[in-house]
């Protein structure tokens, strides 16, 4: 299988593991996961030049926002898998280890902390949320789970 396809699948696998983790947290501990419709709404307002909002809940809904949000979620996961391939290359895909996907997922916390959260009205690294440290921890744990999911997927693909 081509390494580009494997890298994209590794990102999708990591995203699926993250989604299972979020579902577990919601069902077991009533900890709400990311509202992908709000992410879709945020992205859906960008073509009109609107990149930051005080509150996504106050923004008028965008047609297809749920689909946009979920598609972005999985496309970003695929992009992370491709970044992993770009940095560590084919040898890592052939013999995956845990540290590279964790380093990628932790480094890329800059995206939610400095782009997504501020753009959606939550402030830099969730500083405008009621519990900023909880928001930061949820992102850190989520990205860690995603990294573990990319590793598991790469391990599975390396054995096929």
Foldseek 3Di string as FASTA:
>chain_A
DDLLVLLLVLLLQLLVLLVVVQVCCCVPVVDHDDQLLLVLQQVQCVVVVQQADQASVPDDGDPPSNVSSVVVSSVVSSVLSVVLCVVPNDVCLLPPDLPSLLVSLQVVLCCCQPGVCRRNNLHRQSPNPPDSVVSNVVSNVSSSSSSVSSRVSSVVVSVD
